[in-house]
C-alpha cells in the first residue's frame, strides 16, 4: 500500500521540484543544460561493496565543496 502512495505522488513531487528550482547543470556537446533533479519514488538497493566505493567519492566531493565555501567566506585565496 505504501509503495502505491509513493507512486501516486511522484507527479506531485516532480511539480514541487520544478516549482522550487531543484535543478542541476551539465555540459553536453559544449552546451550547458539545466535539468530537474530526478525523483524516483522507489528506492534503489545498492550493495555494500558498491556503496563503499561511492561513499569514498562522495566524501571527497563534500570535503572539497566545504573547503571551497570556507575559502570564499574567509581567506579568499582561490
Protein backbone atom coordinates (compact mmCIF):
# COMPACT_ATOMS: atom_id res chain seq x y z
CA UNK A 1 0.00 0.00 0.00
CA UNK A 2 2.76 2.48 0.95
CA UNK A 3 4.55 1.81 -2.35
CA UNK A 4 1.41 2.78 -4.27
CA UNK A 5 1.16 6.03 -2.29
CA UNK A 6 4.70 6.89 -3.36
CA UNK A 7 3.95 6.13 -6.98
CA UNK A 8 0.71 8.12 -6.87
CA UNK A 9 2.57 11.17 -5.54
CA UNK A 10 5.51 11.08 -7.97
CA UNK A 11 3.97 13.67 -10.29
CA UNK A 12 3.20 15.98 -7.36
CA UNK A 13 6.78 15.72 -6.10
CA UNK A 14 8.11 16.43 -9.60
CA UNK A 15 5.92 19.55 -9.82
CA UNK A 16 7.29 20.76 -6.48
CA UNK A 17 10.87 20.13 -7.61
CA UNK A 18 10.21 22.19 -10.74
CA UNK A 19 8.43 24.95 -8.79
CA UNK A 20 11.29 25.38 -6.33
CA UNK A 21 14.02 25.06 -8.92
CA UNK A 22 15.67 21.87 -7.71
CA UNK A 23 17.96 21.61 -10.71
CA UNK A 24 21.47 20.71 -11.69
CA UNK A 25 23.52 21.61 -14.72
CA UNK A 26 25.51 19.50 -17.12
CA UNK A 27 27.60 20.22 -20.15
CA UNK A 28 26.68 18.18 -23.20
CA UNK A 29 28.08 18.83 -26.66
CA UNK A 30 29.76 22.00 -25.35
CA UNK A 31 26.38 23.36 -24.23
CA UNK A 32 25.25 23.96 -20.65
CA UNK A 33 21.88 22.35 -19.95
CA UNK A 34 19.81 22.60 -16.79
CA UNK A 35 17.75 19.61 -15.76
CA UNK A 36 15.35 18.94 -12.93
CA UNK A 37 16.78 16.78 -10.19
CA UNK A 38 15.42 13.29 -10.89
CA UNK A 39 12.96 11.84 -8.40
CA UNK A 40 12.25 8.15 -8.20
CA UNK A 41 9.65 7.05 -5.67
CA UNK A 42 11.07 3.54 -5.46
CA UNK A 43 14.41 3.47 -3.63
CA UNK A 44 17.27 1.63 -5.26
CA UNK A 45 19.08 -1.05 -3.30
CA UNK A 46 22.85 -0.70 -3.55
CA UNK A 47 25.15 -3.50 -2.47
CA UNK A 48 27.55 -2.63 0.39
CA UNK A 49 30.64 -3.03 -1.79
CA UNK A 50 29.25 -0.60 -4.37
CA UNK A 51 28.11 1.84 -1.68
CA UNK A 52 31.56 1.78 -0.04
CA UNK A 53 33.09 2.73 -3.39
CA UNK A 54 30.56 5.54 -3.96
CA UNK A 55 30.89 6.77 -0.38
CA UNK A 56 34.60 7.49 -0.77
CA UNK A 57 33.96 9.72 -3.78
CA UNK A 58 31.02 11.47 -2.11
CA UNK A 59 33.08 12.24 1.00
CA UNK A 60 35.86 13.61 -1.18
CA UNK A 61 33.48 15.90 -3.05
CA UNK A 62 31.78 17.14 0.12
CA UNK A 63 35.16 17.94 1.66
CA UNK A 64 36.23 19.83 -1.47
CA UNK A 65 32.98 21.81 -1.51
CA UNK A 66 33.29 22.66 2.19
CA UNK A 67 36.89 23.83 1.73
CA UNK A 68 35.85 25.92 -1.27
CA UNK A 69 32.98 27.56 0.63
CA UNK A 70 35.19 28.19 3.65
CA UNK A 71 37.74 29.89 1.43
CA UNK A 72 35.10 32.08 -0.20
CA UNK A 73 33.95 33.41 3.18
CA UNK A 74 37.38 33.64 4.84
CA UNK A 75 40.86 33.84 3.24
CA UNK A 76 39.65 34.20 -0.37
CA UNK A 77 42.79 32.59 -1.78
CA UNK A 78 41.08 30.99 -4.77
